[in-house]
């Protein structure tokens, strides 16, 4: 899938701005994503990731936070997800990693509204 096709896919799968009224939304990334080879298409086909990206796109200036637990596997998965998000046209400066989950918790994507752009 080309980058342009991915962007069109994201735009076509959009969600309404009214559903994004909350200051932050959290989406759980299923652990099964890490059990198989990944591609841009495979990453975007994950509903939680697609929903998080759509929520981010609907909020100008918003940030995406990849929340993860301690340990090398969790950190590597979070860094890989950040790389996929950047490859899928999300500004790298708008993606942060946060190590604040328990070891047993799956990765989460959180969309944080930029309070200065309300």
PDB file of N, CA and C in Angstrom:
ATOM      1  N   UNK A   1       0.862  -1.169   0.000  1.00  0.00           N
ATOM      2  CA  UNK A   1       0.000   0.000   0.000  1.00  0.00           C
ATOM      3  C   UNK A   1       0.907   1.230   0.000  1.00  0.00           C
ATOM      4  N   UNK A   2       0.653   2.170  -0.898  1.00  0.00           N
ATOM      5  CA  UNK A   2       1.465   3.375  -0.966  1.00  0.00           C
ATOM      6  C   UNK A   2       1.102   4.312   0.175  1.00  0.00           C
ATOM      7  N   UNK A   3       1.985   5.245   0.437  1.00  0.00           N
ATOM      8  CA  UNK A   3       1.744   6.219   1.508  1.00  0.00           C
ATOM      9  C   UNK A   3       0.471   7.017   1.235  1.00  0.00           C
ATOM     10  N   UNK A   4       0.271   7.425  -0.021  1.00  0.00           N
ATOM     11  CA  UNK A   4      -0.933   8.175  -0.376  1.00  0.00           C
ATOM     12  C   UNK A   4      -2.187   7.335  -0.139  1.00  0.00           C
ATOM     13  N   UNK A   5      -2.113   6.046  -0.484  1.00  0.00           N
ATOM     14  CA  UNK A   5      -3.261   5.162  -0.256  1.00  0.00           C
ATOM     15  C   UNK A   5      -3.534   5.009   1.224  1.00  0.00           C
ATOM     16  N   UNK A   6      -2.458   4.940   2.028  1.00  0.00           N
ATOM     17  CA  UNK A   6      -2.644   4.835   3.485  1.00  0.00           C
ATOM     18  C   UNK A   6      -3.314   6.084   4.039  1.00  0.00           C
ATOM     19  N   UNK A   7      -2.893   7.231   3.557  1.00  0.00           N
ATOM     20  CA  UNK A   7      -3.482   8.484   4.031  1.00  0.00           C
ATOM     21  C   UNK A   7      -4.958   8.551   3.633  1.00  0.00           C
ATOM     22  N   UNK A   8      -5.269   8.137   2.393  1.00  0.00           N
ATOM     23  CA  UNK A   8      -6.677   8.102   1.971  1.00  0.00           C
ATOM     24  C   UNK A   8      -7.475   7.126   2.824  1.00  0.00           C
ATOM     25  N   UNK A   9      -6.870   5.981   3.146  1.00  0.00           N
ATOM     26  CA  UNK A   9      -7.531   4.989   3.994  1.00  0.00           C
ATOM     27  C   UNK A   9      -7.858   5.599   5.359  1.00  0.00           C
ATOM     28  N   UNK A  10      -6.880   6.313   5.924  1.00  0.00           N
ATOM     29  CA  UNK A  10      -7.101   6.947   7.227  1.00  0.00           C
ATOM     30  C   UNK A  10      -8.218   7.980   7.141  1.00  0.00           C
ATOM     31  N   UNK A  11      -8.183   8.780   6.100  1.00  0.00           N
ATOM     32  CA  UNK A  11      -9.202   9.818   5.949  1.00  0.00           C
ATOM     33  C   UNK A  11     -10.581   9.200   5.751  1.00  0.00           C
ATOM     34  N   UNK A  12     -10.644   8.132   4.968  1.00  0.00           N
ATOM     35  CA  UNK A  12     -11.917   7.474   4.715  1.00  0.00           C
ATOM     36  C   UNK A  12     -12.478   6.769   5.927  1.00  0.00           C
ATOM     37  N   UNK A  13     -11.623   6.383   6.834  1.00  0.00           N
ATOM     38  CA  UNK A  13     -12.065   5.650   8.026  1.00  0.00           C
ATOM     39  C   UNK A  13     -12.315   6.598   9.192  1.00  0.00           C
ATOM     40  N   UNK A  14     -12.405   7.874   8.913  1.00  0.00           N
ATOM     41  CA  UNK A  14     -12.519   8.906   9.952  1.00  0.00           C
ATOM     42  C   UNK A  14     -13.675   8.731  10.912  1.00  0.00           C
ATOM     43  N   UNK A  15     -13.559   9.428  12.001  1.00  0.00           N
ATOM     44  CA  UNK A  15     -14.640   9.420  12.983  1.00  0.00           C
ATOM     45  C   UNK A  15     -15.059  10.860  13.226  1.00  0.00           C
ATOM     46  N   UNK A  16     -16.216  11.060  13.759  1.00  0.00           N
ATOM     47  CA  UNK A  16     -16.750  12.412  13.895  1.00  0.00           C
ATOM     48  C   UNK A  16     -16.027  13.209  14.972  1.00  0.00           C
ATOM     49  N   UNK A  17     -15.901  14.493  14.743  1.00  0.00           N
ATOM     50  CA  UNK A  17     -15.243  15.367  15.709  1.00  0.00           C
ATOM     51  C   UNK A  17     -16.038  15.453  17.000  1.00  0.00           C
ATOM     52  N   UNK A  18     -17.343  15.278  16.929  1.00  0.00           N
ATOM     53  CA  UNK A  18     -18.160  15.321  18.141  1.00  0.00           C
ATOM     54  C   UNK A  18     -17.789  14.216  19.113  1.00  0.00           C
ATOM     55  N   UNK A  19     -17.344  13.098  18.596  1.00  0.00           N
ATOM     56  CA  UNK A  19     -16.948  11.983  19.464  1.00  0.00           C
ATOM     57  C   UNK A  19     -15.599  12.237  20.109  1.00  0.00           C
ATOM     58  N   UNK A  20     -14.922  13.292  19.687  1.00  0.00           N
ATOM     59  CA  UNK A  20     -13.593  13.579  20.199  1.00  0.00           C
ATOM     60  C   UNK A  20     -13.574  14.736  21.186  1.00  0.00           C
ATOM     61  N   UNK A  21     -14.670  15.003  21.814  1.00  0.00           N
ATOM     62  CA  UNK A  21     -14.761  16.156  22.701  1.00  0.00           C
ATOM     63  C   UNK A  21     -13.902  16.014  23.941  1.00  0.00           C
ATOM     64  N   UNK A  22     -13.581  14.816  24.358  1.00  0.00           N
ATOM     65  CA  UNK A  22     -12.779  14.618  25.560  1.00  0.00           C
ATOM     66  C   UNK A  22     -11.361  15.125  25.337  1.00  0.00           C
ATOM     67  N   UNK A  23     -10.695  15.514  26.410  1.00  0.00           N
ATOM     68  CA  UNK A  23      -9.338  16.039  26.323  1.00  0.00           C
ATOM     69  C   UNK A  23      -8.346  14.958  25.917  1.00  0.00           C
ATOM     70  N   UNK A  24      -8.602  13.722  26.266  1.00  0.00           N
ATOM     71  CA  UNK A  24      -7.700  12.628  25.903  1.00  0.00           C
ATOM     72  C   UNK A  24      -8.524  11.370  25.654  1.00  0.00           C
ATOM     73  N   UNK A  25      -8.093  10.592  24.687  1.00  0.00           N
ATOM     74  CA  UNK A  25      -8.720   9.299  24.397  1.00  0.00           C
ATOM     75  C   UNK A  25      -7.624   8.257  24.400  1.00  0.00           C
ATOM     76  N   UNK A  26      -7.935   7.081  24.905  1.00  0.00           N
ATOM     77  CA  UNK A  26      -6.958   6.004  24.976  1.00  0.00           C
ATOM     78  C   UNK A  26      -7.445   4.804  24.183  1.00  0.00           C
ATOM     79  N   UNK A  27      -6.518   4.188  23.431  1.00  0.00           N
ATOM     80  CA  UNK A  27      -6.817   3.042  22.593  1.00  0.00           C
ATOM     81  C   UNK A  27      -5.812   1.940  22.912  1.00  0.00           C
ATOM     82  N   UNK A  28      -6.301   0.755  23.241  1.00  0.00           N
ATOM     83  CA  UNK A  28      -5.439  -0.366  23.599  1.00  0.00           C
ATOM     84  C   UNK A  28      -4.982  -1.090  22.332  1.00  0.00           C
ATOM     85  N   UNK A  29      -3.667  -1.232  22.191  1.00  0.00           N
ATOM     86  CA  UNK A  29      -3.086  -1.940  21.049  1.00  0.00           C
ATOM     87  C   UNK A  29      -3.019  -3.420  21.422  1.00  0.00           C
ATOM     88  N   UNK A  30      -3.654  -4.282  20.645  1.00  0.00           N
ATOM     89  CA  UNK A  30      -3.678  -5.707  21.005  1.00  0.00           C
ATOM     90  C   UNK A  30      -2.286  -6.328  20.957  1.00  0.00           C
ATOM     91  N   UNK A  31      -1.958  -7.118  21.972  1.00  0.00           N
ATOM     92  CA  UNK A  31      -0.636  -7.769  22.006  1.00  0.00           C
ATOM     93  C   UNK A  31      -0.384  -8.670  20.799  1.00  0.00           C
ATOM     94  N   UNK A  32      -1.450  -9.174  20.165  1.00  0.00           N
ATOM     95  CA  UNK A  32      -1.297 -10.061  19.012  1.00  0.00           C
ATOM     96  C   UNK A  32      -0.573  -9.384  17.845  1.00  0.00           C
ATOM     97  N   UNK A  33      -0.592  -8.060  17.798  1.00  0.00           N
ATOM     98  CA  UNK A  33       0.091  -7.346  16.716  1.00  0.00           C
ATOM     99  C   UNK A  33       1.566  -7.711  16.679  1.00  0.00           C
ATOM    100  N   UNK A  34       2.156  -7.979  17.832  1.00  0.00           N
ATOM    101  CA  UNK A  34       3.596  -8.214  17.922  1.00  0.00           C
ATOM    102  C   UNK A  34       3.958  -9.673  17.678  1.00  0.00           C
ATOM    103  N   UNK A  35       2.957 -10.537  17.476  1.00  0.00           N
ATOM    104  CA  UNK A  35       3.205 -11.959  17.257  1.00  0.00           C
ATOM    105  C   UNK A  35       3.397 -12.319  15.790  1.00  0.00           C
ATOM    106  N   UNK A  36       3.361 -11.357  14.903  1.00  0.00           N
ATOM    107  CA  UNK A  36       3.444 -11.647  13.472  1.00  0.00           C
ATOM    108  C   UNK A  36       4.218 -10.530  12.771  1.00  0.00           C
ATOM    109  N   UNK A  37       4.667 -10.802  11.558  1.00  0.00           N
ATOM    110  CA  UNK A  37       5.354  -9.736  10.801  1.00  0.00           C
ATOM    111  C   UNK A  37       4.397  -8.563  10.573  1.00  0.00           C
ATOM    112  N   UNK A  38       4.945  -7.374  10.558  1.00  0.00           N
ATOM    113  CA  UNK A  38       4.119  -6.186  10.398  1.00  0.00           C
ATOM    114  C   UNK A  38       4.447  -5.451   9.103  1.00  0.00           C
ATOM    115  N   UNK A  39       3.444  -4.765   8.617  1.00  0.00           N
ATOM    116  CA  UNK A  39       3.568  -3.885   7.456  1.00  0.00           C
ATOM    117  C   UNK A  39       2.704  -2.667   7.759  1.00  0.00           C
ATOM    118  N   UNK A  40       2.798  -1.653   6.921  1.00  0.00           N
ATOM    119  CA  UNK A  40       1.941  -0.486   7.103  1.00  0.00           C
ATOM    120  C   UNK A  40       0.472  -0.862   7.088  1.00  0.00           C
ATOM    121  N   UNK A  41       0.129  -1.750   6.183  1.00  0.00           N
ATOM    122  CA  UNK A  41      -1.267  -2.202   6.083  1.00  0.00           C
ATOM    123  C   UNK A  41      -1.684  -2.938   7.353  1.00  0.00           C
ATOM    124  N   UNK A  42      -0.841  -3.847   7.853  1.00  0.00           N
ATOM    125  CA  UNK A  42      -1.172  -4.620   9.058  1.00  0.00           C
ATOM    126  C   UNK A  42      -1.346  -3.698  10.262  1.00  0.00           C
ATOM    127  N   UNK A  43      -0.512  -2.685  10.351  1.00  0.00           N
ATOM    128  CA  UNK A  43      -0.619  -1.741  11.469  1.00  0.00           C
ATOM    129  C   UNK A  43      -1.928  -0.965  11.368  1.00  0.00           C
ATOM    130  N   UNK A  44      -2.250  -0.461  10.177  1.00  0.00           N
ATOM    131  CA  UNK A  44      -3.484   0.317  10.002  1.00  0.00           C
ATOM    132  C   UNK A  44      -4.748  -0.526  10.127  1.00  0.00           C
ATOM    133  N   UNK A  45      -4.632  -1.822   9.896  1.00  0.00           N
ATOM    134  CA  UNK A  45      -5.813  -2.677  10.014  1.00  0.00           C
ATOM    135  C   UNK A  45      -6.191  -2.947  11.466  1.00  0.00           C
ATOM    136  N   UNK A  46      -5.326  -2.589  12.398  1.00  0.00           N
ATOM    137  CA  UNK A  46      -5.656  -2.735  13.807  1.00  0.00           C
ATOM    138  C   UNK A  46      -6.642  -1.620  14.179  1.00  0.00           C
ATOM    139  N   UNK A  47      -7.859  -1.971  14.584  1.00  0.00           N
ATOM    140  CA  UNK A  47      -8.864  -0.937  14.876  1.00  0.00           C
ATOM    141  C   UNK A  47      -8.389   0.112  15.877  1.00  0.00           C
ATOM    142  N   UNK A  48      -7.703  -0.293  16.918  1.00  0.00           N
ATOM    143  CA  UNK A  48      -7.267   0.681  17.932  1.00  0.00           C
ATOM    144  C   UNK A  48      -6.299   1.694  17.332  1.00  0.00           C
ATOM    145  N   UNK A  49      -5.393   1.239  16.487  1.00  0.00           N
ATOM    146  CA  UNK A  49      -4.427   2.153  15.878  1.00  0.00           C
ATOM    147  C   UNK A  49      -5.125   3.068  14.891  1.00  0.00           C
ATOM    148  N   UNK A  50      -5.994   2.504  14.067  1.00  0.00           N
ATOM    149  CA  UNK A  50      -6.744   3.319  13.099  1.00  0.00           C
ATOM    150  C   UNK A  50      -7.585   4.372  13.818  1.00  0.00           C
ATOM    151  N   UNK A  51      -8.264   3.976  14.890  1.00  0.00           N
ATOM    152  CA  UNK A  51      -9.093   4.919  15.644  1.00  0.00           C
ATOM    153  C   UNK A  51      -8.239   6.013  16.283  1.00  0.00           C
ATOM    154  N   UNK A  52      -7.095   5.645  16.829  1.00  0.00           N
ATOM    155  CA  UNK A  52      -6.215   6.639  17.450  1.00  0.00           C
ATOM    156  C   UNK A  52      -5.699   7.634  16.413  1.00  0.00           C
ATOM    157  N   UNK A  53      -5.301   7.146  15.254  1.00  0.00           N
ATOM    158  CA  UNK A  53      -4.802   8.031  14.198  1.00  0.00           C
ATOM    159  C   UNK A  53      -5.922   8.947  13.718  1.00  0.00           C
ATOM    160  N   UNK A  54      -7.109   8.419  13.559  1.00  0.00           N
ATOM    161  CA  UNK A  54      -8.239   9.263  13.141  1.00  0.00           C
ATOM    162  C   UNK A  54      -8.560  10.316  14.196  1.00  0.00           C
ATOM    163  N   UNK A  55      -8.517   9.937  15.457  1.00  0.00           N
ATOM    164  CA  UNK A  55      -8.758  10.910  16.536  1.00  0.00           C
ATOM    165  C   UNK A  55      -7.685  11.987  16.521  1.00  0.00           C
ATOM    166  N   UNK A  56      -6.440  11.595  16.303  1.00  0.00           N
ATOM    167  CA  UNK A  56      -5.341  12.552  16.227  1.00  0.00           C
ATOM    168  C   UNK A  56      -5.545  13.524  15.068  1.00  0.00           C
ATOM    169  N   UNK A  57      -5.936  12.985  13.912  1.00  0.00           N
ATOM    170  CA  UNK A  57      -6.138  13.828  12.727  1.00  0.00           C
ATOM    171  C   UNK A  57      -7.274  14.832  12.933  1.00  0.00           C
ATOM    172  N   UNK A  58      -8.269  14.483  13.733  1.00  0.00           N
ATOM    173  CA  UNK A  58      -9.426  15.350  13.943  1.00  0.00           C
ATOM    174  C   UNK A  58      -9.149  16.481  14.934  1.00  0.00           C
ATOM    175  N   UNK A  59      -8.026  16.433  15.612  1.00  0.00           N
ATOM    176  CA  UNK A  59      -7.696  17.453  16.605  1.00  0.00           C
ATOM    177  C   UNK A  59      -6.409  18.168  16.206  1.00  0.00           C
ATOM    178  N   UNK A  60      -6.510  19.287  15.519  1.00  0.00           N
ATOM    179  CA  UNK A  60      -5.297  20.002  15.107  1.00  0.00           C
ATOM    180  C   UNK A  60      -4.384  20.280  16.301  1.00  0.00           C
ATOM    181  N   UNK A  61      -3.130  19.950  16.151  1.00  0.00           N
ATOM    182  CA  UNK A  61      -2.159  20.201  17.204  1.00  0.00           C
ATOM    183  C   UNK A  61      -2.103  19.125  18.275  1.00  0.00           C
ATOM    184  N   UNK A  62      -2.932  18.095  18.160  1.00  0.00           N
ATOM    185  CA  UNK A  62      -2.938  17.038  19.184  1.00  0.00           C
ATOM    186  C   UNK A  62      -1.630  16.248  19.136  1.00  0.00           C
ATOM    187  N   UNK A  63      -1.377  15.521  20.218  1.00  0.00           N
ATOM    188  CA  UNK A  63      -0.199  14.655  20.311  1.00  0.00           C
ATOM    189  C   UNK A  63      -0.666  13.215  20.500  1.00  0.00           C
ATOM    190  N   UNK A  64       0.146  12.285  20.061  1.00  0.00           N
ATOM    191  CA  UNK A  64      -0.080  10.868  20.316  1.00  0.00           C
ATOM    192  C   UNK A  64       0.969  10.404  21.318  1.00  0.00           C
ATOM    193  N   UNK A  65       0.526   9.760  22.371  1.00  0.00           N
ATOM    194  CA  UNK A  65       1.438   9.215  23.369  1.00  0.00           C
ATOM    195  C   UNK A  65       1.329   7.697  23.314  1.00  0.00           C
ATOM    196  N   UNK A  66       2.475   7.039  23.119  1.00  0.00           N
ATOM    197  CA  UNK A  66       2.531   5.578  23.145  1.00  0.00           C
ATOM    198  C   UNK A  66       2.914   5.208  24.575  1.00  0.00           C
ATOM    199  N   UNK A  67       1.949   4.693  25.309  1.00  0.00           N
ATOM    200  CA  UNK A  67       2.176   4.315  26.702  1.00  0.00           C
ATOM    201  C   UNK A  67       2.566   2.836  26.748  1.00  0.00           C
ATOM    202  N   UNK A  68       3.605   2.532  27.512  1.00  0.00           N
ATOM    203  CA  UNK A  68       4.120   1.167  27.585  1.00  0.00           C
ATOM    204  C   UNK A  68       4.599   0.857  28.993  1.00  0.00           C
ATOM    205  N   UNK A  69       4.821  -0.410  29.217  1.00  0.00           N
ATOM    206  CA  UNK A  69       5.330  -0.857  30.506  1.00  0.00           C
ATOM    207  C   UNK A  69       6.840  -0.941  30.498  1.00  0.00           C
ATOM    208  N   UNK A  70       7.407  -1.377  31.634  1.00  0.00           N
ATOM    209  CA  UNK A  70       8.858  -1.524  31.723  1.00  0.00           C
ATOM    210  C   UNK A  70       9.312  -2.777  30.968  1.00  0.00           C
ATOM    211  N   UNK A  71      10.569  -2.879  30.747  1.00  0.00           N
ATOM    212  CA  UNK A  71      11.119  -4.064  30.100  1.00  0.00           C
ATOM    213  C   UNK A  71      11.466  -3.807  28.655  1.00  0.00           C
ATOM    214  N   UNK A  72      12.462  -4.560  28.194  1.00  0.00           N
ATOM    215  CA  UNK A  72      12.981  -4.360  26.841  1.00  0.00           C
ATOM    216  C   UNK A  72      11.938  -4.617  25.762  1.00  0.00           C
ATOM    217  N   UNK A  73      11.137  -5.669  25.902  1.00  0.00           N
ATOM    218  CA  UNK A  73      10.124  -5.970  24.879  1.00  0.00           C
ATOM    219  C   UNK A  73       9.118  -4.841  24.738  1.00  0.00           C
ATOM    220  N   UNK A  74       8.641  -4.319  25.860  1.00  0.00           N
ATOM    221  CA  UNK A  74       7.653  -3.239  25.820  1.00  0.00           C
ATOM    222  C   UNK A  74       8.247  -1.977  25.199  1.00  0.00           C
ATOM    223  N   UNK A  75       9.477  -1.668  25.552  1.00  0.00           N
ATOM    224  CA  UNK A  75      10.133  -0.479  24.999  1.00  0.00           C
ATOM    225  C   UNK A  75      10.344  -0.641  23.490  1.00  0.00           C
ATOM    226  N   UNK A  76      10.809  -1.831  23.079  1.00  0.00           N
ATOM    227  CA  UNK A  76      11.015  -2.063  21.644  1.00  0.00           C
ATOM    228  C   UNK A  76       9.710  -1.987  20.863  1.00  0.00           C
ATOM    229  N   UNK A  77       8.641  -2.547  21.414  1.00  0.00           N
ATOM    230  CA  UNK A  77       7.336  -2.482  20.743  1.00  0.00           C
ATOM    231  C   UNK A  77       6.870  -1.033  20.639  1.00  0.00           C
ATOM    232  N   UNK A  78       7.038  -0.259  21.698  1.00  0.00           N
ATOM    233  CA  UNK A  78       6.624   1.144  21.685  1.00  0.00           C
ATOM    234  C   UNK A  78       7.435   1.936  20.656  1.00  0.00           C
ATOM    235  N   UNK A  79       8.741   1.694  20.602  1.00  0.00           N
ATOM    236  CA  UNK A  79       9.579   2.390  19.629  1.00  0.00           C
ATOM    237  C   UNK A  79       9.225   1.990  18.196  1.00  0.00           C
ATOM    238  N   UNK A  80       8.911   0.708  17.997  1.00  0.00           N
ATOM    239  CA  UNK A  80       8.509   0.272  16.655  1.00  0.00           C
ATOM    240  C   UNK A  80       7.182   0.915  16.260  1.00  0.00           C
ATOM    241  N   UNK A  81       6.244   0.958  17.196  1.00  0.00           N
ATOM    242  CA  UNK A  81       4.958   1.588  16.898  1.00  0.00           C
ATOM    243  C   UNK A  81       5.152   3.059  16.564  1.00  0.00           C
ATOM    244  N   UNK A  82       6.006   3.743  17.314  1.00  0.00           N
ATOM    245  CA  UNK A  82       6.290   5.153  17.010  1.00  0.00           C
ATOM    246  C   UNK A  82       6.851   5.277  15.593  1.00  0.00           C
ATOM    247  N   UNK A  83       7.738   4.370  15.206  1.00  0.00           N
ATOM    248  CA  UNK A  83       8.306   4.407  13.855  1.00  0.00           C
ATOM    249  C   UNK A  83       7.237   4.176  12.791  1.00  0.00           C
ATOM    250  N   UNK A  84       6.333   3.221  13.034  1.00  0.00           N
ATOM    251  CA  UNK A  84       5.248   2.974  12.076  1.00  0.00           C
ATOM    252  C   UNK A  84       4.355   4.202  11.961  1.00  0.00           C
ATOM    253  N   UNK A  85       4.039   4.823  13.083  1.00  0.00           N
ATOM    254  CA  UNK A  85       3.177   6.011  13.051  1.00  0.00           C
ATOM    255  C   UNK A  85       3.838   7.135  12.249  1.00  0.00           C
ATOM    256  N   UNK A  86       5.136   7.317  12.445  1.00  0.00           N
ATOM    257  CA  UNK A  86       5.858   8.341  11.683  1.00  0.00           C
ATOM    258  C   UNK A  86       5.876   7.985  10.199  1.00  0.00           C
ATOM    259  N   UNK A  87       6.044   6.710   9.884  1.00  0.00           N
ATOM    260  CA  UNK A  87       6.043   6.276   8.485  1.00  0.00           C
ATOM    261  C   UNK A  87       4.670   6.470   7.848  1.00  0.00           C
ATOM    262  N   UNK A  88       3.633   6.484   8.669  1.00  0.00           N
ATOM    263  CA  UNK A  88       2.267   6.655   8.164  1.00  0.00           C
ATOM    264  C   UNK A  88       1.836   8.118   8.196  1.00  0.00           C
ATOM    265  N   UNK A  89       2.810   9.032   8.147  1.00  0.00           N
ATOM    266  CA  UNK A  89       2.578  10.469   7.973  1.00  0.00           C
ATOM    267  C   UNK A  89       2.174  11.214   9.233  1.00  0.00           C
ATOM    268  N   UNK A  90       2.493  10.696  10.393  1.00  0.00           N
ATOM    269  CA  UNK A  90       2.280  11.455  11.626  1.00  0.00           C
ATOM    270  C   UNK A  90       3.604  12.121  11.976  1.00  0.00           C
ATOM    271  N   UNK A  91       3.554  13.412  12.240  1.00  0.00           N
ATOM    272  CA  UNK A  91       4.762  14.160  12.551  1.00  0.00           C
ATOM    273  C   UNK A  91       5.466  13.525  13.755  1.00  0.00           C
ATOM    274  N   UNK A  92       6.732  13.133  13.610  1.00  0.00           N
ATOM    275  CA  UNK A  92       7.445  12.503  14.717  1.00  0.00           C
ATOM    276  C   UNK A  92       7.465  13.353  15.994  1.00  0.00           C
ATOM    277  N   UNK A  93       7.477  14.666  15.847  1.00  0.00           N
ATOM    278  CA  UNK A  93       7.471  15.552  17.006  1.00  0.00           C
ATOM    279  C   UNK A  93       6.160  15.522  17.784  1.00  0.00           C
ATOM    280  N   UNK A  94       5.128  14.941  17.195  1.00  0.00           N
ATOM    281  CA  UNK A  94       3.820  14.826  17.844  1.00  0.00           C
ATOM    282  C   UNK A  94       3.610  13.458  18.493  1.00  0.00           C
ATOM    283  N   UNK A  95       4.653  12.611  18.473  1.00  0.00           N
ATOM    284  CA  UNK A  95       4.559  11.268  19.050  1.00  0.00           C
ATOM    285  C   UNK A  95       5.530  11.180  20.223  1.00  0.00           C
ATOM    286  N   UNK A  96       5.025  10.793  21.377  1.00  0.00           N
ATOM    287  CA  UNK A  96       5.869  10.642  22.566  1.00  0.00           C
ATOM    288  C   UNK A  96       5.714   9.234  23.122  1.00  0.00           C
ATOM    289  N   UNK A  97       6.744   8.785  23.816  1.00  0.00           N
ATOM    290  CA  UNK A  97       6.690   7.510  24.525  1.00  0.00           C
ATOM    291  C   UNK A  97       6.601   7.806  26.019  1.00  0.00           C
ATOM    292  N   UNK A  98       5.817   7.003  26.713  1.00  0.00           N
ATOM    293  CA  UNK A  98       5.679   7.180  28.160  1.00  0.00           C
ATOM    294  C   UNK A  98       5.681   5.796  28.818  1.00  0.00           C
ATOM    295  N   UNK A  99       6.638   5.573  29.693  1.00  0.00           N
ATOM    296  CA  UNK A  99       6.783   4.313  30.418  1.00  0.00           C
ATOM    297  C   UNK A  99       6.023   4.435  31.738  1.00  0.00           C
ATOM    298  N   UNK A 100       4.710   4.185  31.697  1.00  0.00           N
ATOM    299  CA  UNK A 100       3.915   4.345  32.919  1.00  0.00           C
ATOM    300  C   UNK A 100       2.876   3.239  33.113  1.00  0.00           C
ATOM    301  N   UNK A 101       3.038   2.123  32.405  1.00  0.00           N
ATOM    302  CA  UNK A 101       2.105   1.014  32.561  1.00  0.00           C
ATOM    303  C   UNK A 101       2.766  -0.113  33.346  1.00  0.00           C
ATOM    304  N   UNK A 102       1.937  -1.008  33.849  1.00  0.00           N
ATOM    305  CA  UNK A 102       2.436  -2.193  34.545  1.00  0.00           C
ATOM    306  C   UNK A 102       2.976  -3.176  33.508  1.00  0.00           C
ATOM    307  N   UNK A 103       3.868  -4.084  33.929  1.00  0.00           N
ATOM    308  CA  UNK A 103       4.454  -5.032  32.967  1.00  0.00           C
ATOM    309  C   UNK A 103       3.426  -5.869  32.210  1.00  0.00           C
ATOM    310  N   UNK A 104       2.312  -6.181  32.818  1.00  0.00           N
ATOM    311  CA  UNK A 104       1.316  -7.040  32.166  1.00  0.00           C
ATOM    312  C   UNK A 104       0.346  -6.278  31.262  1.00  0.00           C
ATOM    313  N   UNK A 105       0.392  -4.964  31.255  1.00  0.00           N
ATOM    314  CA  UNK A 105      -0.557  -4.182  30.453  1.00  0.00           C
ATOM    315  C   UNK A 105      -0.079  -4.044  29.005  1.00  0.00           C
ATOM    316  N   UNK A 106      -1.022  -4.114  28.044  1.00  0.00           N
ATOM    317  CA  UNK A 106      -0.646  -3.926  26.634  1.00  0.00           C
ATOM    318  C   UNK A 106      -0.368  -2.455  26.331  1.00  0.00           C
ATOM    319  N   UNK A 107       0.322  -2.221  25.222  1.00  0.00           N
ATOM    320  CA  UNK A 107       0.571  -0.844  24.770  1.00  0.00           C
ATOM    321  C   UNK A 107      -0.747  -0.103  24.632  1.00  0.00           C
ATOM    322  N   UNK A 108      -0.687   1.195  24.840  1.00  0.00           N
ATOM    323  CA  UNK A 108      -1.859   2.045  24.637  1.00  0.00           C
ATOM    324  C   UNK A 108      -1.442   3.276  23.860  1.00  0.00           C
ATOM    325  N   UNK A 109      -2.333   3.711  23.007  1.00  0.00           N
ATOM    326  CA  UNK A 109      -2.154   4.981  22.308  1.00  0.00           C
ATOM    327  C   UNK A 109      -3.106   5.975  22.942  1.00  0.00           C
ATOM    328  N   UNK A 110      -2.588   7.116  23.297  1.00  0.00           N
ATOM    329  CA  UNK A 110      -3.425   8.143  23.894  1.00  0.00           C
ATOM    330  C   UNK A 110      -3.330   9.401  23.038  1.00  0.00           C
ATOM    331  N   UNK A 111      -4.473   9.950  22.712  1.00  0.00           N
ATOM    332  CA  UNK A 111      -4.538  11.189  21.942  1.00  0.00           C
ATOM    333  C   UNK A 111      -4.747  12.303  22.952  1.00  0.00           C
ATOM    334  N   UNK A 112      -3.796  13.228  22.987  1.00  0.00           N
ATOM    335  CA  UNK A 112      -3.823  14.333  23.933  1.00  0.00           C
ATOM    336  C   UNK A 112      -4.088  15.629  23.163  1.00  0.00           C
ATOM    337  N   UNK A 113      -5.129  16.292  23.544  1.00  0.00           N
ATOM    338  CA  UNK A 113      -5.468  17.584  22.919  1.00  0.00           C
ATOM    339  C   UNK A 113      -4.441  18.621  23.365  1.00  0.00           C
ATOM    340  N   UNK A 114      -3.966  19.426  22.433  1.00  0.00           N
ATOM    341  CA  UNK A 114      -3.080  20.527  22.744  1.00  0.00           C
ATOM    342  C   UNK A 114      -3.947  21.652  23.271  1.00  0.00           C
ATOM    343  N   UNK A 115      -3.824  21.939  24.543  1.00  0.00           N
ATOM    344  CA  UNK A 115      -4.687  22.940  25.198  1.00  0.00           C
ATOM    345  C   UNK A 115      -4.552  24.327  24.592  1.00  0.00           C
ATOM    346  N   UNK A 116      -3.429  24.619  23.925  1.00  0.00           N
ATOM    347  CA  UNK A 116      -3.260  25.951  23.338  1.00  0.00           C
ATOM    348  C   UNK A 116      -4.033  26.094  22.027  1.00  0.00           C
ATOM    349  N   UNK A 117      -4.514  24.969  21.447  1.00  0.00           N
ATOM    350  CA  UNK A 117      -5.229  25.020  20.158  1.00  0.00           C
ATOM    351  C   UNK A 117      -6.716  24.793  20.312  1.00  0.00           C
ATOM    352  N   UNK A 118      -7.287  25.039  21.450  1.00  0.00           N
ATOM    353  CA  UNK A 118      -8.719  24.822  21.647  1.00  0.00           C
ATOM    354  C   UNK A 118      -9.540  25.803  20.876  1.00  0.00           C
TER     355      UNK A 118
END
